[in-house]
Amino acid sequence: MFKEFKTFIMRGNVVDLAVAVVVGGAFGAIVKSLVSDIIMPPIGLLLGNVDFTNLFAVLKAGEGGPYATLADAQAGGAVTINYGLFVMSIVSFLIVAFAIFMVIKGLNSMKRETPPPPAEPTEKECPYCFTMIPIPAKRCPHCTSQLD
């Protein structure tokens, strides 16, 4: 059983998939940081000092009254809709989707094969009757002209 498992693990597709999952996870963390630390703060500043991590709507209040931050609401046991975090997730998704699109586009452009060269012709045109005849022919079978 261990031998079969080792054979399964060492197949190329499984190893490639494992590498892709690890790299994808690391890439996701980088994109999340890019969105929350680089992209969203300037957007929030342009929109009047909006902190997207603290945009939420309280559905059911918990202990402690009006909440200034999402952390306060969650600590008080409030039920919230976190639409600011949702917006940040959408931006992250769009960045990841665009990056994947660019990678696939690059791979497809490298994968394009050049068309094979055209095959050598096997026929030529008779200069007298203009019908197609085999290249090695010495006489046209249609008009019986002698060919050079």
N, C-alpha and C. Protein backbone atom coordinates (compact mmCIF):
# COMPACT_ATOMS: atom_id res chain seq x y z
N MET A 1 0.82 -1.19 0.00
CA MET A 1 0.00 0.00 0.00
C MET A 1 0.87 1.27 0.00
N PHE A 2 1.95 1.24 0.75
CA PHE A 2 2.84 2.40 0.78
C PHE A 2 3.48 2.62 -0.58
N LYS A 3 3.82 1.53 -1.27
CA LYS A 3 4.43 1.64 -2.59
C LYS A 3 3.46 2.30 -3.57
N GLU A 4 2.19 1.90 -3.52
CA GLU A 4 1.18 2.51 -4.40
C GLU A 4 1.01 3.99 -4.09
N PHE A 5 1.01 4.32 -2.80
CA PHE A 5 0.89 5.72 -2.40
C PHE A 5 2.09 6.53 -2.90
N LYS A 6 3.29 5.96 -2.76
CA LYS A 6 4.50 6.64 -3.24
C LYS A 6 4.43 6.84 -4.75
N THR A 7 3.95 5.85 -5.50
CA THR A 7 3.81 5.97 -6.95
C THR A 7 2.81 7.06 -7.30
N PHE A 8 1.71 7.10 -6.56
CA PHE A 8 0.69 8.13 -6.79
C PHE A 8 1.25 9.53 -6.53
N ILE A 9 1.96 9.69 -5.43
CA ILE A 9 2.49 11.00 -5.06
C ILE A 9 3.56 11.47 -6.05
N MET A 10 4.35 10.57 -6.56
CA MET A 10 5.45 10.95 -7.43
C MET A 10 5.05 11.18 -8.87
N ARG A 11 3.77 10.96 -9.18
CA ARG A 11 3.32 11.27 -10.55
C ARG A 11 3.44 12.76 -10.76
N GLY A 12 3.73 13.16 -11.97
CA GLY A 12 3.96 14.57 -12.28
C GLY A 12 2.79 15.47 -11.98
N ASN A 13 1.56 15.04 -12.27
CA ASN A 13 0.40 15.90 -12.08
C ASN A 13 0.18 16.24 -10.61
N VAL A 14 0.37 15.28 -9.72
CA VAL A 14 0.15 15.52 -8.30
C VAL A 14 1.18 16.50 -7.76
N VAL A 15 2.43 16.33 -8.13
CA VAL A 15 3.48 17.23 -7.68
C VAL A 15 3.23 18.64 -8.22
N ASP A 16 2.86 18.74 -9.49
CA ASP A 16 2.57 20.05 -10.08
C ASP A 16 1.41 20.72 -9.37
N LEU A 17 0.38 19.96 -9.05
CA LEU A 17 -0.77 20.50 -8.35
C LEU A 17 -0.39 20.98 -6.96
N ALA A 18 0.42 20.22 -6.26
CA ALA A 18 0.86 20.62 -4.92
C ALA A 18 1.65 21.93 -4.97
N VAL A 19 2.54 22.04 -5.94
CA VAL A 19 3.32 23.27 -6.09
C VAL A 19 2.39 24.44 -6.42
N ALA A 20 1.42 24.20 -7.27
CA ALA A 20 0.49 25.28 -7.65
C ALA A 20 -0.32 25.74 -6.45
N VAL A 21 -0.74 24.83 -5.58
CA VAL A 21 -1.52 25.21 -4.40
C VAL A 21 -0.66 26.05 -3.45
N VAL A 22 0.57 25.64 -3.23
CA VAL A 22 1.45 26.38 -2.33
C VAL A 22 1.76 27.77 -2.88
N VAL A 23 2.09 27.84 -4.16
CA VAL A 23 2.39 29.14 -4.78
C VAL A 23 1.13 30.01 -4.81
N GLY A 24 -0.01 29.39 -5.10
CA GLY A 24 -1.27 30.14 -5.11
C GLY A 24 -1.61 30.71 -3.75
N GLY A 25 -1.38 29.94 -2.70
CA GLY A 25 -1.62 30.44 -1.34
C GLY A 25 -0.72 31.62 -1.01
N ALA A 26 0.55 31.50 -1.36
CA ALA A 26 1.48 32.60 -1.11
C ALA A 26 1.10 33.82 -1.94
N PHE A 27 0.69 33.61 -3.18
CA PHE A 27 0.28 34.71 -4.04
C PHE A 27 -0.96 35.38 -3.48
N GLY A 28 -1.89 34.58 -2.96
CA GLY A 28 -3.11 35.13 -2.35
C GLY A 28 -2.79 36.02 -1.16
N ALA A 29 -1.82 35.60 -0.35
CA ALA A 29 -1.43 36.42 0.80
C ALA A 29 -0.80 37.73 0.35
N ILE A 30 -0.01 37.68 -0.71
CA ILE A 30 0.61 38.90 -1.23
C ILE A 30 -0.45 39.84 -1.78
N VAL A 31 -1.41 39.29 -2.51
CA VAL A 31 -2.47 40.13 -3.08
C VAL A 31 -3.32 40.73 -1.97
N LYS A 32 -3.62 39.95 -0.93
CA LYS A 32 -4.42 40.47 0.20
C LYS A 32 -3.69 41.65 0.84
N SER A 33 -2.40 41.50 1.05
CA SER A 33 -1.62 42.59 1.62
C SER A 33 -1.58 43.79 0.68
N LEU A 34 -1.43 43.53 -0.61
CA LEU A 34 -1.42 44.62 -1.59
C LEU A 34 -2.72 45.41 -1.53
N VAL A 35 -3.83 44.70 -1.46
CA VAL A 35 -5.13 45.37 -1.44
C VAL A 35 -5.33 46.13 -0.15
N SER A 36 -5.13 45.45 1.01
CA SER A 36 -5.44 46.09 2.29
C SER A 36 -4.41 47.13 2.69
N ASP A 37 -3.15 46.99 2.29
CA ASP A 37 -2.11 47.90 2.75
C ASP A 37 -1.69 48.95 1.73
N ILE A 38 -1.89 48.70 0.44
CA ILE A 38 -1.40 49.61 -0.60
C ILE A 38 -2.54 50.26 -1.39
N ILE A 39 -3.49 49.46 -1.85
CA ILE A 39 -4.52 49.99 -2.76
C ILE A 39 -5.66 50.68 -2.03
N MET A 40 -6.23 50.03 -1.00
CA MET A 40 -7.42 50.57 -0.35
C MET A 40 -7.16 51.83 0.49
N PRO A 41 -6.03 52.00 1.18
CA PRO A 41 -5.84 53.26 1.93
C PRO A 41 -5.92 54.52 1.06
N PRO A 42 -5.27 54.58 -0.12
CA PRO A 42 -5.44 55.79 -0.94
C PRO A 42 -6.88 55.97 -1.44
N ILE A 43 -7.54 54.85 -1.77
CA ILE A 43 -8.94 54.96 -2.21
C ILE A 43 -9.79 55.49 -1.06
N GLY A 44 -9.57 54.97 0.14
CA GLY A 44 -10.29 55.46 1.32
C GLY A 44 -10.01 56.93 1.58
N LEU A 45 -8.77 57.36 1.37
CA LEU A 45 -8.40 58.77 1.56
C LEU A 45 -9.12 59.65 0.55
N LEU A 46 -9.19 59.18 -0.69
CA LEU A 46 -9.90 59.94 -1.73
C LEU A 46 -11.40 60.03 -1.45
N LEU A 47 -11.94 59.03 -0.77
CA LEU A 47 -13.37 59.02 -0.47
C LEU A 47 -13.70 59.67 0.88
N GLY A 48 -12.75 60.37 1.45
CA GLY A 48 -13.01 61.09 2.70
C GLY A 48 -12.61 60.32 3.94
N ASN A 49 -11.41 59.81 3.96
CA ASN A 49 -10.86 59.07 5.10
C ASN A 49 -11.72 57.87 5.50
N VAL A 50 -12.11 57.06 4.52
CA VAL A 50 -12.90 55.87 4.78
C VAL A 50 -11.95 54.70 5.03
N ASP A 51 -12.17 53.99 6.14
CA ASP A 51 -11.42 52.78 6.44
C ASP A 51 -12.30 51.60 6.07
N PHE A 52 -11.97 50.92 4.99
CA PHE A 52 -12.82 49.85 4.49
C PHE A 52 -12.95 48.69 5.46
N THR A 53 -11.95 48.48 6.32
CA THR A 53 -12.05 47.38 7.27
C THR A 53 -13.11 47.65 8.33
N ASN A 54 -13.51 48.89 8.51
CA ASN A 54 -14.50 49.23 9.52
C ASN A 54 -15.83 49.67 8.91
N LEU A 55 -16.10 49.28 7.68
CA LEU A 55 -17.41 49.54 7.09
C LEU A 55 -18.27 48.32 7.33
N PHE A 56 -19.29 48.48 8.15
CA PHE A 56 -20.17 47.37 8.48
C PHE A 56 -21.54 47.91 8.86
N ALA A 57 -22.53 47.04 8.78
CA ALA A 57 -23.88 47.37 9.20
C ALA A 57 -24.27 46.41 10.31
N VAL A 58 -24.82 46.93 11.38
CA VAL A 58 -25.23 46.12 12.52
C VAL A 58 -26.64 45.59 12.27
N LEU A 59 -26.77 44.28 12.26
CA LEU A 59 -28.09 43.65 12.10
C LEU A 59 -28.76 43.46 13.47
N LYS A 60 -27.96 43.05 14.43
CA LYS A 60 -28.47 42.86 15.79
C LYS A 60 -27.39 43.30 16.75
N ALA A 61 -27.71 44.29 17.57
CA ALA A 61 -26.73 44.83 18.51
C ALA A 61 -26.44 43.83 19.61
N GLY A 62 -25.23 43.87 20.07
CA GLY A 62 -24.82 43.05 21.21
C GLY A 62 -24.67 43.94 22.42
N GLU A 63 -23.70 43.66 23.24
CA GLU A 63 -23.42 44.47 24.42
C GLU A 63 -22.59 45.68 24.03
N GLY A 64 -22.84 46.83 24.63
CA GLY A 64 -21.94 47.96 24.47
C GLY A 64 -22.38 49.04 23.53
N GLY A 65 -23.56 49.05 23.03
CA GLY A 65 -24.07 50.18 22.27
C GLY A 65 -23.42 50.42 20.94
N PRO A 66 -23.47 51.66 20.43
CA PRO A 66 -22.93 51.91 19.09
C PRO A 66 -21.44 51.59 19.05
N TYR A 67 -21.05 51.00 17.96
CA TYR A 67 -19.68 50.50 17.82
C TYR A 67 -18.91 51.37 16.84
N ALA A 68 -17.69 51.74 17.24
CA ALA A 68 -16.86 52.58 16.38
C ALA A 68 -16.11 51.75 15.34
N THR A 69 -15.76 50.53 15.72
CA THR A 69 -15.00 49.68 14.80
C THR A 69 -15.65 48.31 14.71
N LEU A 70 -15.26 47.57 13.71
CA LEU A 70 -15.76 46.22 13.54
C LEU A 70 -15.29 45.33 14.68
N ALA A 71 -14.08 45.54 15.14
CA ALA A 71 -13.56 44.74 16.26
C ALA A 71 -14.41 44.96 17.51
N ASP A 72 -14.82 46.20 17.77
CA ASP A 72 -15.69 46.49 18.92
C ASP A 72 -17.03 45.78 18.77
N ALA A 73 -17.60 45.80 17.57
CA ALA A 73 -18.88 45.14 17.34
C ALA A 73 -18.77 43.63 17.54
N GLN A 74 -17.69 43.05 17.03
CA GLN A 74 -17.51 41.60 17.18
C GLN A 74 -17.24 41.24 18.63
N ALA A 75 -16.50 42.09 19.35
CA ALA A 75 -16.24 41.84 20.77
C ALA A 75 -17.53 41.94 21.58
N GLY A 76 -18.44 42.83 21.18
CA GLY A 76 -19.70 42.98 21.88
C GLY A 76 -20.73 41.93 21.49
N GLY A 77 -20.42 41.07 20.55
CA GLY A 77 -21.34 40.02 20.15
C GLY A 77 -22.39 40.47 19.16
N ALA A 78 -22.16 41.58 18.48
CA ALA A 78 -23.13 42.08 17.50
C ALA A 78 -23.07 41.25 16.23
N VAL A 79 -24.22 41.14 15.57
CA VAL A 79 -24.30 40.47 14.27
C VAL A 79 -24.18 41.57 13.21
N THR A 80 -23.17 41.44 12.34
CA THR A 80 -22.88 42.52 11.38
C THR A 80 -22.78 41.98 9.97
N ILE A 81 -23.00 42.88 9.03
CA ILE A 81 -22.69 42.64 7.62
C ILE A 81 -21.45 43.49 7.33
N ASN A 82 -20.37 42.83 6.97
CA ASN A 82 -19.08 43.50 6.80
C ASN A 82 -18.86 43.84 5.33
N TYR A 83 -19.55 44.84 4.83
CA TYR A 83 -19.48 45.17 3.41
C TYR A 83 -18.15 45.80 3.02
N GLY A 84 -17.43 46.41 3.93
CA GLY A 84 -16.11 46.95 3.62
C GLY A 84 -15.11 45.84 3.33
N LEU A 85 -15.14 44.79 4.14
CA LEU A 85 -14.27 43.63 3.89
C LEU A 85 -14.65 42.93 2.60
N PHE A 86 -15.97 42.94 2.29
CA PHE A 86 -16.43 42.34 1.04
C PHE A 86 -15.89 43.10 -0.17
N VAL A 87 -15.89 44.43 -0.09
CA VAL A 87 -15.33 45.24 -1.18
C VAL A 87 -13.85 44.93 -1.36
N MET A 88 -13.14 44.81 -0.26
CA MET A 88 -11.71 44.49 -0.34
C MET A 88 -11.50 43.10 -0.95
N SER A 89 -12.38 42.15 -0.63
CA SER A 89 -12.28 40.81 -1.21
C SER A 89 -12.53 40.84 -2.70
N ILE A 90 -13.46 41.67 -3.14
CA ILE A 90 -13.73 41.80 -4.58
C ILE A 90 -12.51 42.36 -5.30
N VAL A 91 -11.89 43.38 -4.73
CA VAL A 91 -10.68 43.96 -5.35
C VAL A 91 -9.58 42.91 -5.40
N SER A 92 -9.41 42.14 -4.33
CA SER A 92 -8.40 41.07 -4.32
C SER A 92 -8.68 40.05 -5.41
N PHE A 93 -9.95 39.65 -5.52
CA PHE A 93 -10.32 38.68 -6.55
C PHE A 93 -10.01 39.20 -7.94
N LEU A 94 -10.34 40.46 -8.20
CA LEU A 94 -10.08 41.03 -9.53
C LEU A 94 -8.59 41.05 -9.84
N ILE A 95 -7.77 41.34 -8.84
CA ILE A 95 -6.32 41.36 -9.07
C ILE A 95 -5.81 39.95 -9.36
N VAL A 96 -6.27 38.98 -8.58
CA VAL A 96 -5.84 37.59 -8.80
C VAL A 96 -6.33 37.09 -10.17
N ALA A 97 -7.58 37.40 -10.50
CA ALA A 97 -8.12 36.97 -11.80
C ALA A 97 -7.34 37.58 -12.95
N PHE A 98 -6.98 38.87 -12.83
CA PHE A 98 -6.20 39.51 -13.87
C PHE A 98 -4.81 38.89 -13.99
N ALA A 99 -4.19 38.60 -12.84
CA ALA A 99 -2.86 37.98 -12.87
C ALA A 99 -2.92 36.60 -13.52
N ILE A 100 -3.94 35.81 -13.19
CA ILE A 100 -4.09 34.48 -13.80
C ILE A 100 -4.34 34.62 -15.29
N PHE A 101 -5.17 35.59 -15.68
CA PHE A 101 -5.42 35.83 -17.10
C PHE A 101 -4.12 36.13 -17.83
N MET A 102 -3.27 36.98 -17.24
CA MET A 102 -2.01 37.33 -17.89
C MET A 102 -1.07 36.13 -18.00
N VAL A 103 -1.03 35.29 -16.96
CA VAL A 103 -0.18 34.10 -17.00
C VAL A 103 -0.67 33.15 -18.09
N ILE A 104 -1.98 32.91 -18.15
CA ILE A 104 -2.52 32.01 -19.16
C ILE A 104 -2.31 32.57 -20.56
N LYS A 105 -2.48 33.88 -20.71
CA LYS A 105 -2.25 34.51 -22.01
C LYS A 105 -0.79 34.34 -22.43
N GLY A 106 0.13 34.51 -21.49
CA GLY A 106 1.55 34.31 -21.79
C GLY A 106 1.86 32.87 -22.16
N LEU A 107 1.27 31.92 -21.42
CA LEU A 107 1.50 30.52 -21.74
C LEU A 107 0.93 30.16 -23.10
N ASN A 108 -0.24 30.68 -23.42
CA ASN A 108 -0.84 30.40 -24.72
C ASN A 108 -0.01 30.97 -25.86
N SER A 109 0.57 32.14 -25.65
CA SER A 109 1.39 32.72 -26.72
C SER A 109 2.68 31.93 -26.92
N MET A 110 3.21 31.34 -25.85
CA MET A 110 4.41 30.52 -25.98
C MET A 110 4.08 29.17 -26.58
N LYS A 111 2.85 28.71 -26.38
CA LYS A 111 2.44 27.38 -26.83
C LYS A 111 2.09 27.35 -28.31
N ARG A 112 1.84 28.49 -28.90
CA ARG A 112 1.44 28.50 -30.31
C ARG A 112 2.51 27.86 -31.17
N GLU A 113 2.09 26.95 -31.99
CA GLU A 113 3.02 26.26 -32.87
C GLU A 113 3.01 26.92 -34.24
N THR A 114 4.17 26.94 -34.87
CA THR A 114 4.23 27.47 -36.22
C THR A 114 3.64 26.41 -37.15
N PRO A 115 2.90 26.85 -38.14
CA PRO A 115 2.31 25.86 -39.06
C PRO A 115 3.41 25.13 -39.82
N PRO A 116 3.18 23.86 -40.14
CA PRO A 116 4.20 23.11 -40.87
C PRO A 116 4.40 23.72 -42.26
N PRO A 117 5.60 23.60 -42.79
CA PRO A 117 5.83 24.15 -44.13
C PRO A 117 4.96 23.41 -45.14
N PRO A 118 4.58 24.10 -46.20
CA PRO A 118 3.74 23.44 -47.20
C PRO A 118 4.46 22.24 -47.82
N ALA A 119 3.69 21.24 -48.16
CA ALA A 119 4.26 20.02 -48.76
C ALA A 119 4.80 20.34 -50.16
N GLU A 120 5.78 19.56 -50.54
CA GLU A 120 6.36 19.73 -51.87
C GLU A 120 5.29 19.41 -52.92
N PRO A 121 5.22 20.20 -53.98
CA PRO A 121 4.20 19.92 -55.00
C PRO A 121 4.50 18.60 -55.73
N THR A 122 3.45 17.92 -56.09
CA THR A 122 3.60 16.65 -56.83
C THR A 122 3.12 16.79 -58.26
N GLU A 123 2.54 17.95 -58.60
CA GLU A 123 2.03 18.16 -59.95
C GLU A 123 2.51 19.50 -60.48
N LYS A 124 2.52 19.58 -61.80
CA LYS A 124 2.85 20.84 -62.47
C LYS A 124 1.81 21.08 -63.55
N GLU A 125 1.81 22.29 -64.07
CA GLU A 125 0.83 22.64 -65.09
C GLU A 125 1.46 22.46 -66.48
N CYS A 126 0.71 21.83 -67.36
CA CYS A 126 1.18 21.68 -68.75
C CYS A 126 1.18 23.07 -69.38
N PRO A 127 2.29 23.50 -69.99
CA PRO A 127 2.34 24.85 -70.57
C PRO A 127 1.49 24.98 -71.84
N TYR A 128 0.99 23.87 -72.38
CA TYR A 128 0.21 23.93 -73.61
C TYR A 128 -1.30 23.87 -73.37
N CYS A 129 -1.74 22.93 -72.53
CA CYS A 129 -3.18 22.80 -72.30
C CYS A 129 -3.60 23.23 -70.90
N PHE A 130 -2.64 23.56 -70.05
CA PHE A 130 -2.86 24.08 -68.70
C PHE A 130 -3.61 23.12 -67.78
N THR A 131 -3.45 21.83 -67.98
CA THR A 131 -3.98 20.84 -67.04
C THR A 131 -2.86 20.42 -66.11
N MET A 132 -3.23 19.90 -64.96
CA MET A 132 -2.24 19.48 -63.97
C MET A 132 -1.77 18.06 -64.32
N ILE A 133 -0.44 17.89 -64.34
CA ILE A 133 0.16 16.59 -64.67
C ILE A 133 1.25 16.30 -63.65
N PRO A 134 1.65 15.04 -63.47
CA PRO A 134 2.74 14.72 -62.53
C PRO A 134 4.04 15.42 -62.94
N ILE A 135 4.81 15.81 -61.97
CA ILE A 135 6.06 16.55 -62.23
C ILE A 135 7.02 15.74 -63.11
N PRO A 136 7.23 14.44 -62.90
CA PRO A 136 8.22 13.73 -63.74
C PRO A 136 7.73 13.42 -65.17
N ALA A 137 6.52 13.80 -65.54
CA ALA A 137 5.98 13.45 -66.86
C ALA A 137 6.80 14.11 -67.96
N LYS A 138 7.04 13.37 -69.06
CA LYS A 138 7.78 13.88 -70.22
C LYS A 138 6.82 14.28 -71.33
N ARG A 139 5.60 13.81 -71.26
CA ARG A 139 4.59 14.11 -72.27
C ARG A 139 3.27 14.31 -71.55
N CYS A 140 2.50 15.28 -71.96
CA CYS A 140 1.20 15.56 -71.34
C CYS A 140 0.20 14.49 -71.79
N PRO A 141 -0.48 13.82 -70.86
CA PRO A 141 -1.44 12.78 -71.24
C PRO A 141 -2.73 13.37 -71.83
N HIS A 142 -2.95 14.66 -71.68
CA HIS A 142 -4.19 15.27 -72.18
C HIS A 142 -4.03 15.80 -73.60
N CYS A 143 -2.94 16.54 -73.83
CA CYS A 143 -2.76 17.12 -75.17
C CYS A 143 -1.63 16.46 -75.94
N THR A 144 -0.96 15.51 -75.34
CA THR A 144 0.16 14.74 -75.91
C THR A 144 1.36 15.60 -76.33
N SER A 145 1.45 16.79 -75.77
CA SER A 145 2.61 17.65 -76.09
C SER A 145 3.86 17.11 -75.43
N GLN A 146 4.98 17.25 -76.11
CA GLN A 146 6.27 16.86 -75.57
C GLN A 146 6.72 17.97 -74.60
N LEU A 147 7.10 17.57 -73.38
CA LEU A 147 7.52 18.54 -72.35
C LEU A 147 9.02 18.50 -72.20
N ASP A 148 9.59 19.62 -71.83
CA ASP A 148 11.06 19.68 -71.64
C ASP A 148 11.42 19.35 -70.22
